[in-house]
PDB file of N, CA and C in Angstrom:
ATOM      1  N   MET A   1       0.854  -1.177   0.000  1.00  0.00           N
ATOM      2  CA  MET A   1       0.000   0.000   0.000  1.00  0.00           C
ATOM      3  C   MET A   1       0.895   1.233   0.000  1.00  0.00           C
ATOM      4  N   THR A   2       0.543   2.186  -0.824  1.00  0.00           N
ATOM      5  CA  THR A   2       1.315   3.427  -0.873  1.00  0.00           C
ATOM      6  C   THR A   2       0.560   4.542  -0.161  1.00  0.00           C
ATOM      7  N   TRP A   3       1.303   5.498   0.302  1.00  0.00           N
ATOM      8  CA  TRP A   3       0.691   6.621   1.025  1.00  0.00           C
ATOM      9  C   TRP A   3       0.502   7.806   0.092  1.00  0.00           C
ATOM     10  N   GLN A   4      -0.377   8.707   0.526  1.00  0.00           N
ATOM     11  CA  GLN A   4      -0.622   9.943  -0.211  1.00  0.00           C
ATOM     12  C   GLN A   4       0.218  11.097   0.329  1.00  0.00           C
ATOM     13  N   LEU A   5       0.621  10.961   1.588  1.00  0.00           N
ATOM     14  CA  LEU A   5       1.433  11.989   2.233  1.00  0.00           C
ATOM     15  C   LEU A   5       2.493  11.317   3.083  1.00  0.00           C
ATOM     16  N   TRP A   6       3.757  11.659   2.811  1.00  0.00           N
ATOM     17  CA  TRP A   6       4.857  11.167   3.628  1.00  0.00           C
ATOM     18  C   TRP A   6       4.865  11.964   4.917  1.00  0.00           C
ATOM     19  N   ILE A   7       4.918  11.266   6.054  1.00  0.00           N
ATOM     20  CA  ILE A   7       5.026  11.948   7.349  1.00  0.00           C
ATOM     21  C   ILE A   7       6.046  11.234   8.212  1.00  0.00           C
ATOM     22  N   ASP A   8       6.567  11.968   9.171  1.00  0.00           N
ATOM     23  CA  ASP A   8       7.413  11.413  10.220  1.00  0.00           C
ATOM     24  C   ASP A   8       6.497  11.289  11.434  1.00  0.00           C
ATOM     25  N   TYR A   9       6.160  10.054  11.798  1.00  0.00           N
ATOM     26  CA  TYR A   9       5.212   9.831  12.894  1.00  0.00           C
ATOM     27  C   TYR A   9       5.666  10.443  14.216  1.00  0.00           C
ATOM     28  N   HIS A  10       6.939  10.767  14.337  1.00  0.00           N
ATOM     29  CA  HIS A  10       7.464  11.335  15.586  1.00  0.00           C
ATOM     30  C   HIS A  10       7.286  12.853  15.670  1.00  0.00           C
ATOM     31  N   ARG A  11       6.872  13.492  14.595  1.00  0.00           N
ATOM     32  CA  ARG A  11       6.701  14.948  14.592  1.00  0.00           C
ATOM     33  C   ARG A  11       5.275  15.305  15.009  1.00  0.00           C
ATOM     34  N   THR A  12       4.995  15.144  16.289  1.00  0.00           N
ATOM     35  CA  THR A  12       3.659  15.448  16.808  1.00  0.00           C
ATOM     36  C   THR A  12       3.736  16.621  17.770  1.00  0.00           C
ATOM     37  N   ASP A  13       2.578  17.258  17.951  1.00  0.00           N
ATOM     38  CA  ASP A  13       2.515  18.365  18.899  1.00  0.00           C
ATOM     39  C   ASP A  13       1.779  17.922  20.163  1.00  0.00           C
ATOM     40  N   GLY A  14       1.568  18.848  21.063  1.00  0.00           N
ATOM     41  CA  GLY A  14       0.926  18.552  22.341  1.00  0.00           C
ATOM     42  C   GLY A  14      -0.509  18.091  22.225  1.00  0.00           C
ATOM     43  N   GLU A  15      -1.147  18.337  21.089  1.00  0.00           N
ATOM     44  CA  GLU A  15      -2.527  17.914  20.885  1.00  0.00           C
ATOM     45  C   GLU A  15      -2.615  16.576  20.161  1.00  0.00           C
ATOM     46  N   GLY A  16      -1.459  15.956  19.900  1.00  0.00           N
ATOM     47  CA  GLY A  16      -1.448  14.660  19.236  1.00  0.00           C
ATOM     48  C   GLY A  16      -1.540  14.726  17.723  1.00  0.00           C
ATOM     49  N   LEU A  17      -1.406  15.917  17.162  1.00  0.00           N
ATOM     50  CA  LEU A  17      -1.451  16.059  15.707  1.00  0.00           C
ATOM     51  C   LEU A  17      -0.052  15.862  15.132  1.00  0.00           C
ATOM     52  N   THR A  18       0.021  15.172  14.009  1.00  0.00           N
ATOM     53  CA  THR A  18       1.296  14.928  13.345  1.00  0.00           C
ATOM     54  C   THR A  18       1.510  16.000  12.283  1.00  0.00           C
ATOM     55  N   HIS A  19       2.736  16.512  12.220  1.00  0.00           N
ATOM     56  CA  HIS A  19       3.080  17.585  11.295  1.00  0.00           C
ATOM     57  C   HIS A  19       3.681  17.009  10.023  1.00  0.00           C
ATOM     58  N   GLY A  20       3.219  17.527   8.891  1.00  0.00           N
ATOM     59  CA  GLY A  20       3.761  17.160   7.591  1.00  0.00           C
ATOM     60  C   GLY A  20       3.890  18.406   6.749  1.00  0.00           C
ATOM     61  N   ASN A  21       4.167  18.212   5.457  1.00  0.00           N
ATOM     62  CA  ASN A  21       4.305  19.342   4.558  1.00  0.00           C
ATOM     63  C   ASN A  21       3.726  18.978   3.206  1.00  0.00           C
ATOM     64  N   VAL A  22       3.064  19.930   2.566  1.00  0.00           N
ATOM     65  CA  VAL A  22       2.429  19.661   1.267  1.00  0.00           C
ATOM     66  C   VAL A  22       3.443  19.195   0.227  1.00  0.00           C
ATOM     67  N   ARG A  23       4.699  19.604   0.343  1.00  0.00           N
ATOM     68  CA  ARG A  23       5.702  19.170  -0.642  1.00  0.00           C
ATOM     69  C   ARG A  23       5.981  17.668  -0.538  1.00  0.00           C
ATOM     70  N   ASN A  24       5.537  17.035   0.554  1.00  0.00           N
ATOM     71  CA  ASN A  24       5.721  15.596   0.726  1.00  0.00           C
ATOM     72  C   ASN A  24       4.488  14.792   0.316  1.00  0.00           C
ATOM     73  N   ALA A  25       3.530  15.450  -0.318  1.00  0.00           N
ATOM     74  CA  ALA A  25       2.351  14.749  -0.843  1.00  0.00           C
ATOM     75  C   ALA A  25       2.708  14.136  -2.188  1.00  0.00           C
ATOM     76  N   VAL A  26       2.127  12.998  -2.470  1.00  0.00           N
ATOM     77  CA  VAL A  26       2.320  12.344  -3.760  1.00  0.00           C
ATOM     78  C   VAL A  26       1.741  13.261  -4.845  1.00  0.00           C
ATOM     79  N   PRO A  27       2.447  13.446  -5.971  1.00  0.00           N
ATOM     80  CA  PRO A  27       1.922  14.291  -7.040  1.00  0.00           C
ATOM     81  C   PRO A  27       0.496  13.883  -7.420  1.00  0.00           C
ATOM     82  N   GLY A  28      -0.361  14.884  -7.548  1.00  0.00           N
ATOM     83  CA  GLY A  28      -1.764  14.643  -7.883  1.00  0.00           C
ATOM     84  C   GLY A  28      -2.664  14.559  -6.667  1.00  0.00           C
ATOM     85  N   THR A  29      -2.073  14.524  -5.471  1.00  0.00           N
ATOM     86  CA  THR A  29      -2.856  14.469  -4.237  1.00  0.00           C
ATOM     87  C   THR A  29      -3.244  15.878  -3.820  1.00  0.00           C
ATOM     88  N   THR A  30      -4.524  16.096  -3.589  1.00  0.00           N
ATOM     89  CA  THR A  30      -5.007  17.369  -3.070  1.00  0.00           C
ATOM     90  C   THR A  30      -5.350  17.163  -1.602  1.00  0.00           C
ATOM     91  N   LEU A  31      -4.736  17.945  -0.739  1.00  0.00           N
ATOM     92  CA  LEU A  31      -4.972  17.829   0.694  1.00  0.00           C
ATOM     93  C   LEU A  31      -6.084  18.782   1.083  1.00  0.00           C
ATOM     94  N   VAL A  32      -7.193  18.227   1.553  1.00  0.00           N
ATOM     95  CA  VAL A  32      -8.387  18.994   1.886  1.00  0.00           C
ATOM     96  C   VAL A  32      -8.712  18.773   3.366  1.00  0.00           C
ATOM     97  N   VAL A  33      -8.871  19.856   4.097  1.00  0.00           N
ATOM     98  CA  VAL A  33      -9.211  19.763   5.511  1.00  0.00           C
ATOM     99  C   VAL A  33     -10.492  18.944   5.667  1.00  0.00           C
ATOM    100  N   GLY A  34     -10.444  17.995   6.586  1.00  0.00           N
ATOM    101  CA  GLY A  34     -11.600  17.145   6.855  1.00  0.00           C
ATOM    102  C   GLY A  34     -11.589  15.839   6.086  1.00  0.00           C
ATOM    103  N   GLU A  35     -10.717  15.710   5.101  1.00  0.00           N
ATOM    104  CA  GLU A  35     -10.653  14.483   4.316  1.00  0.00           C
ATOM    105  C   GLU A  35      -9.687  13.497   4.952  1.00  0.00           C
ATOM    106  N   TYR A  36      -9.948  12.222   4.738  1.00  0.00           N
ATOM    107  CA  TYR A  36      -9.066  11.159   5.215  1.00  0.00           C
ATOM    108  C   TYR A  36      -8.138  10.739   4.090  1.00  0.00           C
ATOM    109  N   ILE A  37      -6.857  10.549   4.443  1.00  0.00           N
ATOM    110  CA  ILE A  37      -5.841  10.150   3.483  1.00  0.00           C
ATOM    111  C   ILE A  37      -4.990   9.039   4.091  1.00  0.00           C
ATOM    112  N   VAL A  38      -4.190   8.387   3.255  1.00  0.00           N
ATOM    113  CA  VAL A  38      -3.228   7.403   3.738  1.00  0.00           C
ATOM    114  C   VAL A  38      -1.897   8.121   3.914  1.00  0.00           C
ATOM    115  N   VAL A  39      -1.298   7.953   5.095  1.00  0.00           N
ATOM    116  CA  VAL A  39      -0.011   8.560   5.408  1.00  0.00           C
ATOM    117  C   VAL A  39       0.990   7.461   5.728  1.00  0.00           C
ATOM    118  N   GLY A  40       2.267   7.797   5.642  1.00  0.00           N
ATOM    119  CA  GLY A  40       3.274   6.811   5.997  1.00  0.00           C
ATOM    120  C   GLY A  40       4.665   7.268   5.631  1.00  0.00           C
ATOM    121  N   ASN A  41       5.607   6.336   5.803  1.00  0.00           N
ATOM    122  CA  ASN A  41       6.992   6.552   5.407  1.00  0.00           C
ATOM    123  C   ASN A  41       7.649   5.197   5.196  1.00  0.00           C
ATOM    124  N   GLU A  42       8.913   5.228   4.788  1.00  0.00           N
ATOM    125  CA  GLU A  42       9.618   4.005   4.438  1.00  0.00           C
ATOM    126  C   GLU A  42       9.862   3.076   5.618  1.00  0.00           C
ATOM    127  N   GLU A  43       9.823   3.592   6.829  1.00  0.00           N
ATOM    128  CA  GLU A  43      10.195   2.811   8.006  1.00  0.00           C
ATOM    129  C   GLU A  43       9.018   2.392   8.882  1.00  0.00           C
ATOM    130  N   ALA A  44       7.798   2.713   8.462  1.00  0.00           N
ATOM    131  CA  ALA A  44       6.634   2.388   9.290  1.00  0.00           C
ATOM    132  C   ALA A  44       5.467   1.986   8.402  1.00  0.00           C
ATOM    133  N   ASP A  45       4.531   1.268   8.995  1.00  0.00           N
ATOM    134  CA  ASP A  45       3.344   0.864   8.253  1.00  0.00           C
ATOM    135  C   ASP A  45       2.477   2.081   7.948  1.00  0.00           C
ATOM    136  N   PRO A  46       1.781   2.058   6.815  1.00  0.00           N
ATOM    137  CA  PRO A  46       0.875   3.166   6.507  1.00  0.00           C
ATOM    138  C   PRO A  46      -0.282   3.223   7.500  1.00  0.00           C
ATOM    139  N   ALA A  47      -0.871   4.392   7.600  1.00  0.00           N
ATOM    140  CA  ALA A  47      -2.027   4.606   8.468  1.00  0.00           C
ATOM    141  C   ALA A  47      -2.986   5.538   7.750  1.00  0.00           C
ATOM    142  N   VAL A  48      -4.212   5.592   8.243  1.00  0.00           N
ATOM    143  CA  VAL A  48      -5.194   6.547   7.732  1.00  0.00           C
ATOM    144  C   VAL A  48      -5.224   7.717   8.700  1.00  0.00           C
ATOM    145  N   ALA A  49      -5.284   8.928   8.152  1.00  0.00           N
ATOM    146  CA  ALA A  49      -5.294  10.128   8.974  1.00  0.00           C
ATOM    147  C   ALA A  49      -6.279  11.136   8.415  1.00  0.00           C
ATOM    148  N   GLU A  50      -6.819  11.948   9.311  1.00  0.00           N
ATOM    149  CA  GLU A  50      -7.699  13.044   8.923  1.00  0.00           C
ATOM    150  C   GLU A  50      -6.853  14.302   8.758  1.00  0.00           C
ATOM    151  N   VAL A  51      -7.028  15.014   7.654  1.00  0.00           N
ATOM    152  CA  VAL A  51      -6.334  16.285   7.447  1.00  0.00           C
ATOM    153  C   VAL A  51      -7.048  17.326   8.313  1.00  0.00           C
ATOM    154  N   VAL A  52      -6.318  17.900   9.259  1.00  0.00           N
ATOM    155  CA  VAL A  52      -6.894  18.866  10.194  1.00  0.00           C
ATOM    156  C   VAL A  52      -6.625  20.299   9.753  1.00  0.00           C
ATOM    157  N   GLN A  53      -5.454  20.524   9.173  1.00  0.00           N
ATOM    158  CA  GLN A  53      -5.102  21.887   8.760  1.00  0.00           C
ATOM    159  C   GLN A  53      -4.100  21.827   7.617  1.00  0.00           C
ATOM    160  N   VAL A  54      -4.262  22.735   6.672  1.00  0.00           N
ATOM    161  CA  VAL A  54      -3.275  22.941   5.607  1.00  0.00           C
ATOM    162  C   VAL A  54      -2.971  24.434   5.621  1.00  0.00           C
ATOM    163  N   GLY A  55      -1.769  24.780   6.047  1.00  0.00           N
ATOM    164  CA  GLY A  55      -1.402  26.185   6.191  1.00  0.00           C
ATOM    165  C   GLY A  55      -0.846  26.787   4.918  1.00  0.00           C
ATOM    166  N   PRO A  56      -0.872  28.109   4.815  1.00  0.00           N
ATOM    167  CA  PRO A  56      -0.352  28.802   3.637  1.00  0.00           C
ATOM    168  C   PRO A  56       1.149  28.583   3.445  1.00  0.00           C
ATOM    169  N   ASP A  57       1.838  28.201   4.523  1.00  0.00           N
ATOM    170  CA  ASP A  57       3.273  27.932   4.446  1.00  0.00           C
ATOM    171  C   ASP A  57       3.580  26.487   4.070  1.00  0.00           C
ATOM    172  N   GLY A  58       2.525  25.689   3.828  1.00  0.00           N
ATOM    173  CA  GLY A  58       2.707  24.290   3.449  1.00  0.00           C
ATOM    174  C   GLY A  58       2.621  23.310   4.599  1.00  0.00           C
ATOM    175  N   LEU A  59       2.523  23.809   5.831  1.00  0.00           N
ATOM    176  CA  LEU A  59       2.395  22.932   6.987  1.00  0.00           C
ATOM    177  C   LEU A  59       1.062  22.190   6.932  1.00  0.00           C
ATOM    178  N   VAL A  60       1.113  20.884   7.120  1.00  0.00           N
ATOM    179  CA  VAL A  60      -0.088  20.048   7.146  1.00  0.00           C
ATOM    180  C   VAL A  60      -0.154  19.383   8.508  1.00  0.00           C
ATOM    181  N   LEU A  61      -1.298  19.480   9.165  1.00  0.00           N
ATOM    182  CA  LEU A  61      -1.513  18.787  10.422  1.00  0.00           C
ATOM    183  C   LEU A  61      -2.529  17.676  10.184  1.00  0.00           C
ATOM    184  N   VAL A  62      -2.192  16.461  10.644  1.00  0.00           N
ATOM    185  CA  VAL A  62      -3.100  15.332  10.488  1.00  0.00           C
ATOM    186  C   VAL A  62      -3.306  14.645  11.822  1.00  0.00           C
ATOM    187  N   ARG A  63      -4.480  14.045  11.970  1.00  0.00           N
ATOM    188  CA  ARG A  63      -4.811  13.237  13.146  1.00  0.00           C
ATOM    189  C   ARG A  63      -4.833  11.781  12.682  1.00  0.00           C
ATOM    190  N   THR A  64      -3.825  11.025  13.073  1.00  0.00           N
ATOM    191  CA  THR A  64      -3.689   9.644  12.636  1.00  0.00           C
ATOM    192  C   THR A  64      -4.624   8.744  13.442  1.00  0.00           C
ATOM    193  N   LEU A  65      -5.355   7.901  12.742  1.00  0.00           N
ATOM    194  CA  LEU A  65      -6.256   6.958  13.390  1.00  0.00           C
ATOM    195  C   LEU A  65      -5.461   5.759  13.901  1.00  0.00           C
ATOM    196  N   PRO A  66      -5.871   5.174  15.026  1.00  0.00           N
ATOM    197  CA  PRO A  66      -5.138   4.024  15.564  1.00  0.00           C
ATOM    198  C   PRO A  66      -5.356   2.770  14.720  1.00  0.00           C
ATOM    199  N   GLY A  67      -4.374   1.897  14.746  1.00  0.00           N
ATOM    200  CA  GLY A  67      -4.504   0.621  14.052  1.00  0.00           C
ATOM    201  C   GLY A  67      -4.027   0.683  12.620  1.00  0.00           C
ATOM    202  N   PRO A  68      -4.031  -0.481  11.971  1.00  0.00           N
ATOM    203  CA  PRO A  68      -3.559  -0.553  10.590  1.00  0.00           C
ATOM    204  C   PRO A  68      -4.466   0.206   9.627  1.00  0.00           C
ATOM    205  N   ALA A  69      -3.875   0.679   8.549  1.00  0.00           N
ATOM    206  CA  ALA A  69      -4.624   1.430   7.539  1.00  0.00           C
ATOM    207  C   ALA A  69      -5.798   0.626   7.007  1.00  0.00           C
ATOM    208  N   GLU A  70      -5.609  -0.666   6.850  1.00  0.00           N
ATOM    209  CA  GLU A  70      -6.668  -1.514   6.283  1.00  0.00           C
ATOM    210  C   GLU A  70      -7.985  -1.427   7.062  1.00  0.00           C
ATOM    211  N   GLU A  71      -7.905  -1.128   8.349  1.00  0.00           N
ATOM    212  CA  GLU A  71      -9.112  -1.020   9.180  1.00  0.00           C
ATOM    213  C   GLU A  71      -9.932   0.226   8.860  1.00  0.00           C
ATOM    214  N   HIS A  72      -9.321   1.199   8.184  1.00  0.00           N
ATOM    215  CA  HIS A  72      -9.982   2.487   7.967  1.00  0.00           C
ATOM    216  C   HIS A  72     -10.041   2.916   6.502  1.00  0.00           C
ATOM    217  N   LEU A  73      -9.686   2.037   5.591  1.00  0.00           N
ATOM    218  CA  LEU A  73      -9.628   2.432   4.179  1.00  0.00           C
ATOM    219  C   LEU A  73     -10.965   2.910   3.630  1.00  0.00           C
ATOM    220  N   ASP A  74     -12.073   2.480   4.252  1.00  0.00           N
ATOM    221  CA  ASP A  74     -13.384   2.933   3.792  1.00  0.00           C
ATOM    222  C   ASP A  74     -13.562   4.441   3.990  1.00  0.00           C
ATOM    223  N   LEU A  75     -12.753   5.054   4.848  1.00  0.00           N
ATOM    224  CA  LEU A  75     -12.843   6.493   5.105  1.00  0.00           C
ATOM    225  C   LEU A  75     -12.055   7.330   4.106  1.00  0.00           C
ATOM    226  N   VAL A  76     -11.069   6.737   3.450  1.00  0.00           N
ATOM    227  CA  VAL A  76     -10.174   7.490   2.571  1.00  0.00           C
ATOM    228  C   VAL A  76     -10.972   8.154   1.452  1.00  0.00           C
ATOM    229  N   GLY A  77     -10.752   9.457   1.306  1.00  0.00           N
ATOM    230  CA  GLY A  77     -11.470  10.232   0.297  1.00  0.00           C
ATOM    231  C   GLY A  77     -12.764  10.820   0.804  1.00  0.00           C
ATOM    232  N   ARG A  78     -13.184  10.440   2.006  1.00  0.00           N
ATOM    233  CA  ARG A  78     -14.425  10.996   2.585  1.00  0.00           C
ATOM    234  C   ARG A  78     -14.075  12.165   3.472  1.00  0.00           C
ATOM    235  N   ARG A  79     -15.056  13.020   3.702  1.00  0.00           N
ATOM    236  CA  ARG A  79     -14.864  14.187   4.555  1.00  0.00           C
ATOM    237  C   ARG A  79     -15.628  14.005   5.853  1.00  0.00           C
ATOM    238  N   THR A  80     -15.095  14.594   6.914  1.00  0.00           N
ATOM    239  CA  THR A  80     -15.777  14.548   8.205  1.00  0.00           C
ATOM    240  C   THR A  80     -16.954  15.502   8.217  1.00  0.00           C
ATOM    241  N   ALA A  81     -17.899  15.232   9.081  1.00  0.00           N
ATOM    242  CA  ALA A  81     -19.088  16.086   9.195  1.00  0.00           C
ATOM    243  C   ALA A  81     -18.709  17.502   9.620  1.00  0.00           C
ATOM    244  N   GLN A  82     -17.670  17.638  10.483  1.00  0.00           N
ATOM    245  CA  GLN A  82     -17.258  18.963  10.947  1.00  0.00           C
ATOM    246  C   GLN A  82     -16.739  19.811   9.794  1.00  0.00           C
ATOM    247  N   ALA A  83     -16.214  19.168   8.757  1.00  0.00           N
ATOM    248  CA  ALA A  83     -15.658  19.909   7.633  1.00  0.00           C
ATOM    249  C   ALA A  83     -16.736  20.266   6.610  1.00  0.00           C
ATOM    250  N   GLY A  84     -17.968  19.904   6.906  1.00  0.00           N
ATOM    251  CA  GLY A  84     -19.055  20.260   6.018  1.00  0.00           C
ATOM    252  C   GLY A  84     -19.285  19.268   4.913  1.00  0.00           C
ATOM    253  N   GLY A  85     -18.640  18.107   5.003  1.00  0.00           N
ATOM    254  CA  GLY A  85     -18.802  17.081   3.970  1.00  0.00           C
ATOM    255  C   GLY A  85     -19.945  16.158   4.290  1.00  0.00           C
ATOM    256  N   SER A  86     -20.126  15.145   3.435  1.00  0.00           N
ATOM    257  CA  SER A  86     -21.190  14.190   3.642  1.00  0.00           C
ATOM    258  C   SER A  86     -20.724  12.960   4.354  1.00  0.00           C
TER     259      SER A  86
END
């Protein structure tokens, strides 16, 4: 399984959000607040995460869901209710 956004799982803040950057998104991936994407890196298993913030400076904050990505793949591409999606 490939990820849509490369992240370093150790780059988290006090609220448990993982920090990434739009330049580390796979070409063709649009990062939309409230949408679920697959995240990962070469040294860890992929996971599903909710995009919480995309800043003008390229900073991306995601909330990684617990467990293997396969448990949450049905969410990928969907938006959360808080983000105004269906």
